[in-house]
Amino acid sequence: MIVNTGALRSLYIAFRTDFQMAFAGVTPRWSTVATLVPSTTGSNEYGWLKAFPRVREWIGDRQVNNLGQADYTIKNKDYESTIGVDRNDIEDDNIGIYKPVVTEFGRSAASFPDELVYGLLAAGWDTLCFDGQYFFDTDHPVLAADGSETSYANTDGGSGAPWFLLDDTRAIKPVLYQERKKFQFVAMDSLTDENVFNRKEFLYGIDGRCNVGFSFPQLCWGSKQDLTATRYAAARAAMMALKGDHGRPLGIRPTLLVCGASNEGAARKLLMNELGDGGVSNEWKGTARLEVVEWLP
């Protein structure tokens, strides 16, 4: 193949087509547990997380939920992946060896938000949220009915593979996926580019800008204990009993159980079997949907 502008343009179009087809062939999983937040700047502030709005009887003046009290900011990050194509491979018409790599670019770009979102969820015991506590913690601050400060838990600890119980019926989900720029296919493939002149190498890659963070801890229970009926029941009861400021019930509904492959068997037994241990009726069948995620252990 003669390496000229026309040939390079055709190669770019072929690579971009492979990328786009692979990208379109992936069904992302992140939206199961995360809310998309479009971003137009370098970072987004989430002061509104301080308020979990509830309706109250109107006595006297309105009580204004101050949406600027929480100092919680998610800064966008840049992500990329790049390959170099040797000019000799183009001249020798040996481009086929790069097709699987470019295809993987598309798959990787489409699934990268999954990796970010579920990676953050698994790191919730070591990652701070808007109230200054770790997202999964035993002492999240909240105001009691008399106005004094008390706390609530959204974890029972443990040291095994994590599993999560979520209320996914709300307008916002436990994780925020902040997207500044969608992943796109880019190239440095001009005959006059420095990389071509010095290294006879044409560069193709992907890049995007995004980040993830946490929303309300009340919407998700995280556990590293064994996934048993007893632990599951305790998690459900704790979530449904949660109250917001001034002792007002939040109406949390545990509707989704999320786990990795190591907990899949226990999860299916818990949510799908007619009978539990000892042959008794399984009262937890169908009480939540199951999502088994490859990004979790």
C-alpha atoms as a PDB file:
ATOM      1  CA  MET A   1       0.000   0.000   0.000  1.00  0.00           C
ATOM      2  CA  ILE A   2       1.264   3.456  -0.857  1.00  0.00           C
ATOM      3  CA  VAL A   3       1.138   5.605   2.267  1.00  0.00           C
ATOM      4  CA  ASN A   4      -0.461   8.879   1.198  1.00  0.00           C
ATOM      5  CA  THR A   5      -3.193  11.190   2.411  1.00  0.00           C
ATOM      6  CA  GLY A   6      -5.977   9.218   0.706  1.00  0.00           C
ATOM      7  CA  ALA A   7      -4.830   5.889   2.108  1.00  0.00           C
ATOM      8  CA  LEU A   8      -4.510   7.320   5.603  1.00  0.00           C
ATOM      9  CA  ARG A   9      -7.987   8.842   5.383  1.00  0.00           C
ATOM     10  CA  SER A  10      -9.444   5.466   4.397  1.00  0.00           C
ATOM     11  CA  LEU A  11      -7.597   3.797   7.252  1.00  0.00           C
ATOM     12  CA  TYR A  12      -8.921   6.346   9.742  1.00  0.00           C
ATOM     13  CA  ILE A  13     -12.492   5.818   8.546  1.00  0.00           C
ATOM     14  CA  ALA A  14     -12.097   2.036   8.807  1.00  0.00           C
ATOM     15  CA  PHE A  15     -10.691   2.268  12.329  1.00  0.00           C
ATOM     16  CA  ARG A  16     -13.377   4.722  13.440  1.00  0.00           C
ATOM     17  CA  THR A  17     -16.092   2.465  12.033  1.00  0.00           C
ATOM     18  CA  ASP A  18     -14.711  -0.522  13.951  1.00  0.00           C
ATOM     19  CA  PHE A  19     -14.611   1.612  17.097  1.00  0.00           C
ATOM     20  CA  GLN A  20     -18.172   2.862  16.712  1.00  0.00           C
ATOM     21  CA  MET A  21     -19.603  -0.577  15.952  1.00  0.00           C
ATOM     22  CA  ALA A  22     -17.926  -2.083  19.022  1.00  0.00           C
ATOM     23  CA  PHE A  23     -19.043   0.857  21.170  1.00  0.00           C
ATOM     24  CA  ALA A  24     -22.651   0.444  20.035  1.00  0.00           C
ATOM     25  CA  GLY A  25     -22.503  -3.298  20.725  1.00  0.00           C
ATOM     26  CA  VAL A  26     -22.016  -2.821  24.482  1.00  0.00           C
ATOM     27  CA  THR A  27     -24.945  -2.427  26.858  1.00  0.00           C
ATOM     28  CA  PRO A  28     -23.650  -0.356  29.797  1.00  0.00           C
ATOM     29  CA  ARG A  29     -24.550  -1.474  33.312  1.00  0.00           C
ATOM     30  CA  TRP A  30     -23.698   1.651  35.305  1.00  0.00           C
ATOM     31  CA  SER A  31     -27.155   3.251  35.120  1.00  0.00           C
ATOM     32  CA  THR A  32     -28.505   0.485  37.365  1.00  0.00           C
ATOM     33  CA  VAL A  33     -26.883   2.120  40.382  1.00  0.00           C
ATOM     34  CA  ALA A  34     -25.854   5.569  39.122  1.00  0.00           C
ATOM     35  CA  THR A  35     -27.501   8.780  37.929  1.00  0.00           C
ATOM     36  CA  LEU A  36     -26.079  10.632  34.941  1.00  0.00           C
ATOM     37  CA  VAL A  37     -25.106  14.214  35.710  1.00  0.00           C
ATOM     38  CA  PRO A  38     -24.088  16.238  32.622  1.00  0.00           C
ATOM     39  CA  SER A  39     -21.174  18.575  33.292  1.00  0.00           C
ATOM     40  CA  THR A  40     -20.190  21.720  31.430  1.00  0.00           C
ATOM     41  CA  THR A  41     -17.252  22.853  33.571  1.00  0.00           C
ATOM     42  CA  GLY A  42     -14.145  21.400  35.209  1.00  0.00           C
ATOM     43  CA  SER A  43     -16.110  20.319  38.286  1.00  0.00           C
ATOM     44  CA  ASN A  44     -19.633  20.185  39.704  1.00  0.00           C
ATOM     45  CA  GLU A  45     -20.695  21.187  43.209  1.00  0.00           C
ATOM     46  CA  TYR A  46     -23.339  19.130  45.004  1.00  0.00           C
ATOM     47  CA  GLY A  47     -24.480  21.343  47.840  1.00  0.00           C
ATOM     48  CA  TRP A  48     -28.031  20.083  47.380  1.00  0.00           C
ATOM     49  CA  LEU A  49     -27.020  16.707  48.830  1.00  0.00           C
ATOM     50  CA  LYS A  50     -27.343  18.244  52.284  1.00  0.00           C
ATOM     51  CA  ALA A  51     -31.115  18.207  51.902  1.00  0.00           C
ATOM     52  CA  PHE A  52     -33.183  15.050  51.487  1.00  0.00           C
ATOM     53  CA  PRO A  53     -36.516  16.869  50.835  1.00  0.00           C
ATOM     54  CA  ARG A  54     -39.647  15.762  52.663  1.00  0.00           C
ATOM     55  CA  VAL A  55     -43.098  17.340  52.848  1.00  0.00           C
ATOM     56  CA  ARG A  56     -44.092  18.851  56.212  1.00  0.00           C
ATOM     57  CA  GLU A  57     -47.145  20.546  57.621  1.00  0.00           C
ATOM     58  CA  TRP A  58     -46.993  24.280  56.896  1.00  0.00           C
ATOM     59  CA  ILE A  59     -47.009  25.941  60.308  1.00  0.00           C
ATOM     60  CA  GLY A  60     -45.645  29.470  60.447  1.00  0.00           C
ATOM     61  CA  ASP A  61     -42.999  30.379  57.883  1.00  0.00           C
ATOM     62  CA  ARG A  62     -41.711  27.942  55.304  1.00  0.00           C
ATOM     63  CA  GLN A  63     -38.612  25.941  56.283  1.00  0.00           C
ATOM     64  CA  VAL A  64     -36.097  26.445  53.499  1.00  0.00           C
ATOM     65  CA  ASN A  65     -33.818  23.531  52.644  1.00  0.00           C
ATOM     66  CA  ASN A  66     -30.450  25.219  52.139  1.00  0.00           C
ATOM     67  CA  LEU A  67     -28.938  23.553  49.093  1.00  0.00           C
ATOM     68  CA  GLY A  68     -25.548  25.167  49.547  1.00  0.00           C
ATOM     69  CA  GLN A  69     -24.529  23.729  52.922  1.00  0.00           C
ATOM     70  CA  ALA A  70     -22.674  20.589  51.806  1.00  0.00           C
ATOM     71  CA  ASP A  71     -19.140  21.180  50.539  1.00  0.00           C
ATOM     72  CA  TYR A  72     -18.982  18.304  48.066  1.00  0.00           C
ATOM     73  CA  THR A  73     -17.370  18.746  44.667  1.00  0.00           C
ATOM     74  CA  ILE A  74     -16.638  16.219  41.928  1.00  0.00           C
ATOM     75  CA  LYS A  75     -13.796  17.240  39.633  1.00  0.00           C
ATOM     76  CA  ASN A  76     -13.763  15.853  36.115  1.00  0.00           C
ATOM     77  CA  LYS A  77     -10.791  13.716  35.126  1.00  0.00           C
ATOM     78  CA  ASP A  78      -9.250  13.032  31.723  1.00  0.00           C
ATOM     79  CA  TYR A  79      -9.026   9.444  30.496  1.00  0.00           C
ATOM     80  CA  GLU A  80      -7.346   8.071  27.378  1.00  0.00           C
ATOM     81  CA  SER A  81      -5.965   5.020  25.633  1.00  0.00           C
ATOM     82  CA  THR A  82      -3.640   5.126  22.617  1.00  0.00           C
ATOM     83  CA  ILE A  83      -1.997   2.729  20.177  1.00  0.00           C
ATOM     84  CA  GLY A  84       0.739   3.296  17.631  1.00  0.00           C
ATOM     85  CA  VAL A  85       0.541   1.849  14.109  1.00  0.00           C
ATOM     86  CA  ASP A  86       3.908   1.286  12.451  1.00  0.00           C
ATOM     87  CA  ARG A  87       4.179   2.783   8.980  1.00  0.00           C
ATOM     88  CA  ASN A  88       5.721  -0.461   7.765  1.00  0.00           C
ATOM     89  CA  ASP A  89       2.510  -2.318   8.635  1.00  0.00           C
ATOM     90  CA  ILE A  90       0.549   0.104   6.459  1.00  0.00           C
ATOM     91  CA  GLU A  91       3.016  -0.177   3.587  1.00  0.00           C
ATOM     92  CA  ASP A  92       2.954  -3.983   3.872  1.00  0.00           C
ATOM     93  CA  ASP A  93      -0.872  -4.021   4.034  1.00  0.00           C
ATOM     94  CA  ASN A  94      -0.704  -5.640   7.447  1.00  0.00           C
ATOM     95  CA  ILE A  95      -3.497  -3.583   9.004  1.00  0.00           C
ATOM     96  CA  GLY A  96      -5.640  -6.574   9.960  1.00  0.00           C
ATOM     97  CA  ILE A  97      -3.590  -7.146  13.094  1.00  0.00           C
ATOM     98  CA  TYR A  98      -4.894  -3.829  14.500  1.00  0.00           C
ATOM     99  CA  LYS A  99      -8.602  -4.456  13.944  1.00  0.00           C
ATOM    100  CA  PRO A 100      -9.093  -6.412  17.223  1.00  0.00           C
ATOM    101  CA  VAL A 101      -7.296  -3.659  19.146  1.00  0.00           C
ATOM    102  CA  VAL A 102      -9.453  -0.893  17.672  1.00  0.00           C
ATOM    103  CA  THR A 103     -12.550  -2.988  18.311  1.00  0.00           C
ATOM    104  CA  GLU A 104     -11.461  -3.352  21.926  1.00  0.00           C
ATOM    105  CA  PHE A 105     -11.120   0.430  22.071  1.00  0.00           C
ATOM    106  CA  GLY A 106     -14.831   0.696  21.371  1.00  0.00           C
ATOM    107  CA  ARG A 107     -15.789  -1.939  23.897  1.00  0.00           C
ATOM    108  CA  SER A 108     -13.483  -0.448  26.527  1.00  0.00           C
ATOM    109  CA  ALA A 109     -14.790   3.094  26.034  1.00  0.00           C
ATOM    110  CA  ALA A 110     -18.419   1.959  26.309  1.00  0.00           C
ATOM    111  CA  SER A 111     -17.823  -0.098  29.447  1.00  0.00           C
ATOM    112  CA  PHE A 112     -15.413   2.268  31.195  1.00  0.00           C
ATOM    113  CA  PRO A 113     -18.234   4.085  33.067  1.00  0.00           C
ATOM    114  CA  ASP A 114     -19.236   0.664  34.459  1.00  0.00           C
ATOM    115  CA  GLU A 115     -15.696   0.176  35.718  1.00  0.00           C
ATOM    116  CA  LEU A 116     -15.701   3.618  37.360  1.00  0.00           C
ATOM    117  CA  VAL A 117     -19.168   3.370  38.920  1.00  0.00           C
ATOM    118  CA  TYR A 118     -18.900  -0.135  40.354  1.00  0.00           C
ATOM    119  CA  GLY A 119     -15.299   0.467  41.358  1.00  0.00           C
ATOM    120  CA  LEU A 120     -16.448   3.434  43.422  1.00  0.00           C
ATOM    121  CA  LEU A 121     -19.287   1.426  44.965  1.00  0.00           C
ATOM    122  CA  ALA A 122     -16.829  -1.281  46.046  1.00  0.00           C
ATOM    123  CA  ALA A 123     -14.575   1.415  47.536  1.00  0.00           C
ATOM    124  CA  GLY A 124     -17.417   2.949  49.544  1.00  0.00           C
ATOM    125  CA  TRP A 125     -15.932   1.850  52.877  1.00  0.00           C
ATOM    126  CA  ASP A 126     -12.843   3.982  52.204  1.00  0.00           C
ATOM    127  CA  THR A 127     -14.331   6.905  50.205  1.00  0.00           C
ATOM    128  CA  LEU A 128     -15.843   9.999  51.793  1.00  0.00           C
ATOM    129  CA  CYS A 129     -19.268  11.320  50.808  1.00  0.00           C
ATOM    130  CA  PHE A 130     -20.883  14.744  51.278  1.00  0.00           C
ATOM    131  CA  ASP A 131     -21.381  14.464  55.074  1.00  0.00           C
ATOM    132  CA  GLY A 132     -17.672  13.873  55.743  1.00  0.00           C
ATOM    133  CA  GLN A 133     -18.123  10.186  56.585  1.00  0.00           C
ATOM    134  CA  TYR A 134     -17.200   7.184  54.487  1.00  0.00           C
ATOM    135  CA  PHE A 135     -20.129   6.378  52.216  1.00  0.00           C
ATOM    136  CA  PHE A 136     -20.630   3.032  53.976  1.00  0.00           C
ATOM    137  CA  ASP A 137     -20.379   3.892  57.657  1.00  0.00           C
ATOM    138  CA  THR A 138     -22.091   3.397  61.001  1.00  0.00           C
ATOM    139  CA  ASP A 139     -22.271   7.030  62.113  1.00  0.00           C
ATOM    140  CA  HIS A 140     -23.720   9.240  59.397  1.00  0.00           C
ATOM    141  CA  PRO A 141     -25.004  12.403  61.136  1.00  0.00           C
ATOM    142  CA  VAL A 142     -28.703  13.282  61.147  1.00  0.00           C
ATOM    143  CA  LEU A 143     -30.977  15.399  63.344  1.00  0.00           C
ATOM    144  CA  ALA A 144     -33.329  13.598  65.703  1.00  0.00           C
ATOM    145  CA  ALA A 145     -36.964  14.624  66.260  1.00  0.00           C
ATOM    146  CA  ASP A 146     -35.925  16.990  69.075  1.00  0.00           C
ATOM    147  CA  GLY A 147     -33.257  18.651  66.934  1.00  0.00           C
ATOM    148  CA  SER A 148     -30.290  16.956  68.597  1.00  0.00           C
ATOM    149  CA  GLU A 149     -27.661  15.224  66.477  1.00  0.00           C
ATOM    150  CA  THR A 150     -27.814  11.470  66.164  1.00  0.00           C
ATOM    151  CA  SER A 151     -26.548   9.018  63.545  1.00  0.00           C
ATOM    152  CA  TYR A 152     -27.536   6.157  61.296  1.00  0.00           C
ATOM    153  CA  ALA A 153     -25.721   3.229  59.663  1.00  0.00           C
ATOM    154  CA  ASN A 154     -25.788   1.932  56.103  1.00  0.00           C
ATOM    155  CA  THR A 155     -23.395  -0.991  56.602  1.00  0.00           C
ATOM    156  CA  ASP A 156     -22.786  -3.927  58.900  1.00  0.00           C
ATOM    157  CA  GLY A 157     -19.087  -4.209  58.018  1.00  0.00           C
ATOM    158  CA  GLY A 158     -17.413  -7.521  57.280  1.00  0.00           C
ATOM    159  CA  SER A 159     -14.327  -8.573  55.318  1.00  0.00           C
ATOM    160  CA  GLY A 160     -15.649 -10.713  52.468  1.00  0.00           C
ATOM    161  CA  ALA A 161     -16.859  -9.983  48.944  1.00  0.00           C
ATOM    162  CA  PRO A 162     -19.201  -6.971  48.991  1.00  0.00           C
ATOM    163  CA  TRP A 163     -22.905  -6.991  48.224  1.00  0.00           C
ATOM    164  CA  PHE A 164     -25.287  -4.055  48.093  1.00  0.00           C
ATOM    165  CA  LEU A 165     -28.983  -3.471  48.684  1.00  0.00           C
ATOM    166  CA  LEU A 166     -30.395  -0.371  46.967  1.00  0.00           C
ATOM    167  CA  ASP A 167     -33.526   1.673  46.601  1.00  0.00           C
ATOM    168  CA  ASP A 168     -33.468   2.354  42.845  1.00  0.00           C
ATOM    169  CA  THR A 169     -36.982   3.800  42.680  1.00  0.00           C
ATOM    170  CA  ARG A 170     -35.878   7.391  43.387  1.00  0.00           C
ATOM    171  CA  ALA A 171     -35.037  10.138  40.917  1.00  0.00           C
ATOM    172  CA  ILE A 172     -31.438   9.918  42.099  1.00  0.00           C
ATOM    173  CA  LYS A 173     -29.376   6.786  42.688  1.00  0.00           C
ATOM    174  CA  PRO A 174     -26.541   6.169  45.161  1.00  0.00           C
ATOM    175  CA  VAL A 175     -23.732   6.908  42.678  1.00  0.00           C
ATOM    176  CA  LEU A 176     -23.343   9.984  40.469  1.00  0.00           C
ATOM    177  CA  TYR A 177     -21.768   9.527  37.038  1.00  0.00           C
ATOM    178  CA  GLN A 178     -20.586  12.966  35.985  1.00  0.00           C
ATOM    179  CA  GLU A 179     -19.927  13.242  32.234  1.00  0.00           C
ATOM    180  CA  ARG A 180     -18.047  16.220  30.803  1.00  0.00           C
ATOM    181  CA  LYS A 181     -17.077  14.819  27.379  1.00  0.00           C
ATOM    182  CA  LYS A 182     -18.127  11.515  25.862  1.00  0.00           C
ATOM    183  CA  PHE A 183     -15.370   9.187  24.738  1.00  0.00           C
ATOM    184  CA  GLN A 184     -14.375   9.775  21.120  1.00  0.00           C
ATOM    185  CA  PHE A 185     -11.987   8.287  18.589  1.00  0.00           C
ATOM    186  CA  VAL A 186      -9.051  10.576  17.734  1.00  0.00           C
ATOM    187  CA  ALA A 187      -5.876  10.330  15.646  1.00  0.00           C
ATOM    188  CA  MET A 188      -2.492  11.876  14.875  1.00  0.00           C
ATOM    189  CA  ASP A 189      -2.115  10.412  11.392  1.00  0.00           C
ATOM    190  CA  SER A 190      -0.779  13.203   9.207  1.00  0.00           C
ATOM    191  CA  LEU A 191       2.383  12.521   7.236  1.00  0.00           C
ATOM    192  CA  THR A 192       3.842  15.704   8.747  1.00  0.00           C
ATOM    193  CA  ASP A 193       3.130  14.836  12.396  1.00  0.00           C
ATOM    194  CA  GLU A 194       6.190  14.647  14.654  1.00  0.00           C
ATOM    195  CA  ASN A 195       5.467  11.076  15.704  1.00  0.00           C
ATOM    196  CA  VAL A 196       5.441   9.973  12.055  1.00  0.00           C
ATOM    197  CA  PHE A 197       8.642  11.827  11.174  1.00  0.00           C
ATOM    198  CA  ASN A 198      10.648  10.657  14.211  1.00  0.00           C
ATOM    199  CA  ARG A 199       9.222   7.195  14.864  1.00  0.00           C
ATOM    200  CA  LYS A 200       7.333   6.332  11.645  1.00  0.00           C
ATOM    201  CA  GLU A 201       4.333   5.790  13.892  1.00  0.00           C
ATOM    202  CA  PHE A 202       0.708   6.815  13.363  1.00  0.00           C
ATOM    203  CA  LEU A 203      -1.239   7.318  16.601  1.00  0.00           C
ATOM    204  CA  TYR A 204      -4.883   6.372  17.200  1.00  0.00           C
ATOM    205  CA  GLY A 205      -6.710   6.601  20.474  1.00  0.00           C
ATOM    206  CA  ILE A 206      -9.724   7.454  22.554  1.00  0.00           C
ATOM    207  CA  ASP A 207     -10.246  10.105  25.191  1.00  0.00           C
ATOM    208  CA  GLY A 208     -13.019  11.447  27.386  1.00  0.00           C
ATOM    209  CA  ARG A 209     -13.671  13.456  30.543  1.00  0.00           C
ATOM    210  CA  CYS A 210     -15.798  12.261  33.445  1.00  0.00           C
ATOM    211  CA  ASN A 211     -15.767  11.212  37.089  1.00  0.00           C
ATOM    212  CA  VAL A 212     -17.926   9.567  39.740  1.00  0.00           C
ATOM    213  CA  GLY A 213     -19.069  10.371  43.263  1.00  0.00           C
ATOM    214  CA  PHE A 214     -21.685   9.428  45.844  1.00  0.00           C
ATOM    215  CA  SER A 215     -25.150  10.838  46.509  1.00  0.00           C
ATOM    216  CA  PHE A 216     -27.337   9.887  49.493  1.00  0.00           C
ATOM    217  CA  PRO A 217     -26.007   7.093  51.751  1.00  0.00           C
ATOM    218  CA  GLN A 218     -29.593   6.270  52.784  1.00  0.00           C
ATOM    219  CA  LEU A 219     -30.237   4.810  49.328  1.00  0.00           C
ATOM    220  CA  CYS A 220     -27.720   1.981  49.616  1.00  0.00           C
ATOM    221  CA  TRP A 221     -26.705  -0.613  52.188  1.00  0.00           C
ATOM    222  CA  GLY A 222     -23.246  -2.114  51.759  1.00  0.00           C
ATOM    223  CA  SER A 223     -22.091  -5.333  53.396  1.00  0.00           C
ATOM    224  CA  LYS A 224     -19.006  -7.537  53.332  1.00  0.00           C
ATOM    225  CA  GLN A 225     -20.648 -10.134  55.554  1.00  0.00           C
ATOM    226  CA  ASP A 226     -21.805 -13.487  54.202  1.00  0.00           C
ATOM    227  CA  LEU A 227     -24.948 -13.011  52.115  1.00  0.00           C
ATOM    228  CA  THR A 228     -27.438 -14.903  54.268  1.00  0.00           C
ATOM    229  CA  ALA A 229     -31.156 -14.552  54.912  1.00  0.00           C
ATOM    230  CA  THR A 230     -30.392 -13.125  58.354  1.00  0.00           C
ATOM    231  CA  ARG A 231     -28.034 -10.439  57.009  1.00  0.00           C
ATOM    232  CA  TYR A 232     -30.365  -9.617  54.134  1.00  0.00           C
ATOM    233  CA  ALA A 233     -33.345  -9.252  56.477  1.00  0.00           C
ATOM    234  CA  ALA A 234     -31.367  -6.982  58.799  1.00  0.00           C
ATOM    235  CA  ALA A 235     -30.273  -4.788  55.888  1.00  0.00           C
ATOM    236  CA  ARG A 236     -33.850  -4.420  54.627  1.00  0.00           C
ATOM    237  CA  ALA A 237     -35.160  -3.591  58.073  1.00  0.00           C
ATOM    238  CA  ALA A 238     -32.428  -1.011  58.708  1.00  0.00           C
ATOM    239  CA  MET A 239     -33.016   0.731  55.381  1.00  0.00           C
ATOM    240  CA  MET A 240     -36.793   0.898  55.750  1.00  0.00           C
ATOM    241  CA  ALA A 241     -36.445   2.296  59.266  1.00  0.00           C
ATOM    242  CA  LEU A 242     -34.208   5.189  58.180  1.00  0.00           C
ATOM    243  CA  LYS A 243     -35.349   8.685  59.061  1.00  0.00           C
ATOM    244  CA  GLY A 244     -34.256  12.063  57.785  1.00  0.00           C
ATOM    245  CA  ASP A 245     -33.721  15.215  59.804  1.00  0.00           C
ATOM    246  CA  HIS A 246     -36.207  15.764  62.643  1.00  0.00           C
ATOM    247  CA  GLY A 247     -37.204  12.105  62.688  1.00  0.00           C
ATOM    248  CA  ARG A 248     -39.239  12.063  59.485  1.00  0.00           C
ATOM    249  CA  PRO A 249     -39.426   8.644  57.767  1.00  0.00           C
ATOM    250  CA  LEU A 250     -37.749   8.553  54.351  1.00  0.00           C
ATOM    251  CA  GLY A 251     -39.833   5.749  52.877  1.00  0.00           C
ATOM    252  CA  ILE A 252     -36.813   3.783  51.643  1.00  0.00           C
ATOM    253  CA  ARG A 253     -37.734   0.679  49.615  1.00  0.00           C
ATOM    254  CA  PRO A 254     -34.936  -1.900  49.129  1.00  0.00           C
ATOM    255  CA  THR A 255     -35.627  -3.035  45.568  1.00  0.00           C
ATOM    256  CA  LEU A 256     -32.288  -4.105  44.074  1.00  0.00           C
ATOM    257  CA  LEU A 257     -29.583  -6.511  45.255  1.00  0.00           C
ATOM    258  CA  VAL A 258     -26.206  -6.045  43.548  1.00  0.00           C
ATOM    259  CA  CYS A 259     -23.262  -8.428  43.875  1.00  0.00           C
ATOM    260  CA  GLY A 260     -20.346  -9.998  42.054  1.00  0.00           C
ATOM    261  CA  ALA A 261     -19.827 -13.563  40.876  1.00  0.00           C
ATOM    262  CA  SER A 262     -18.692 -14.864  44.266  1.00  0.00           C
ATOM    263  CA  ASN A 263     -22.074 -14.022  45.829  1.00  0.00           C
ATOM    264  CA  GLU A 264     -24.263 -14.944  42.862  1.00  0.00           C
ATOM    265  CA  GLY A 265     -25.241 -18.375  44.162  1.00  0.00           C
ATOM    266  CA  ALA A 266     -26.245 -17.075  47.570  1.00  0.00           C
ATOM    267  CA  ALA A 267     -28.157 -14.188  45.992  1.00  0.00           C
ATOM    268  CA  ARG A 268     -30.107 -16.447  43.631  1.00  0.00           C
ATOM    269  CA  LYS A 269     -30.915 -18.834  46.450  1.00  0.00           C
ATOM    270  CA  LEU A 270     -32.158 -15.953  48.558  1.00  0.00           C
ATOM    271  CA  LEU A 271     -34.295 -14.206  45.934  1.00  0.00           C
ATOM    272  CA  MET A 272     -35.411 -17.011  43.630  1.00  0.00           C
ATOM    273  CA  ASN A 273     -35.766 -20.284  45.545  1.00  0.00           C
ATOM    274  CA  GLU A 274     -39.197 -21.307  46.763  1.00  0.00           C
ATOM    275  CA  LEU A 275     -37.722 -22.912  49.880  1.00  0.00           C
ATOM    276  CA  GLY A 276     -35.079 -21.731  52.317  1.00  0.00           C
ATOM    277  CA  ASP A 277     -32.763 -23.664  54.598  1.00  0.00           C
ATOM    278  CA  GLY A 278     -34.428 -26.636  56.248  1.00  0.00           C
ATOM    279  CA  GLY A 279     -37.105 -26.821  53.570  1.00  0.00           C
ATOM    280  CA  VAL A 280     -39.197 -24.003  55.026  1.00  0.00           C
ATOM    281  CA  SER A 281     -40.890 -21.411  52.841  1.00  0.00           C
ATOM    282  CA  ASN A 282     -38.487 -18.720  51.618  1.00  0.00           C
ATOM    283  CA  GLU A 283     -40.105 -15.432  52.648  1.00  0.00           C
ATOM    284  CA  TRP A 284     -37.497 -13.378  50.769  1.00  0.00           C
ATOM    285  CA  LYS A 285     -38.224 -14.732  47.310  1.00  0.00           C
ATOM    286  CA  GLY A 286     -38.922 -11.885  44.889  1.00  0.00           C
ATOM    287  CA  THR A 287     -38.374  -9.132  47.449  1.00  0.00           C
ATOM    288  CA  ALA A 288     -35.692  -7.509  45.262  1.00  0.00           C
ATOM    289  CA  ARG A 289     -34.328  -7.755  41.744  1.00  0.00           C
ATOM    290  CA  LEU A 290     -30.843  -9.205  41.294  1.00  0.00           C
ATOM    291  CA  GLU A 291     -27.992  -7.602  39.355  1.00  0.00           C
ATOM    292  CA  VAL A 292     -24.784  -9.655  39.090  1.00  0.00           C
ATOM    293  CA  VAL A 293     -21.940  -7.391  37.979  1.00  0.00           C
ATOM    294  CA  GLU A 294     -18.611  -8.476  36.508  1.00  0.00           C
ATOM    295  CA  TRP A 295     -16.866  -5.428  37.993  1.00  0.00           C
ATOM    296  CA  LEU A 296     -17.420  -6.672  41.547  1.00  0.00           C
ATOM    297  CA  PRO A 297     -15.554  -9.569  43.246  1.00  0.00           C
END
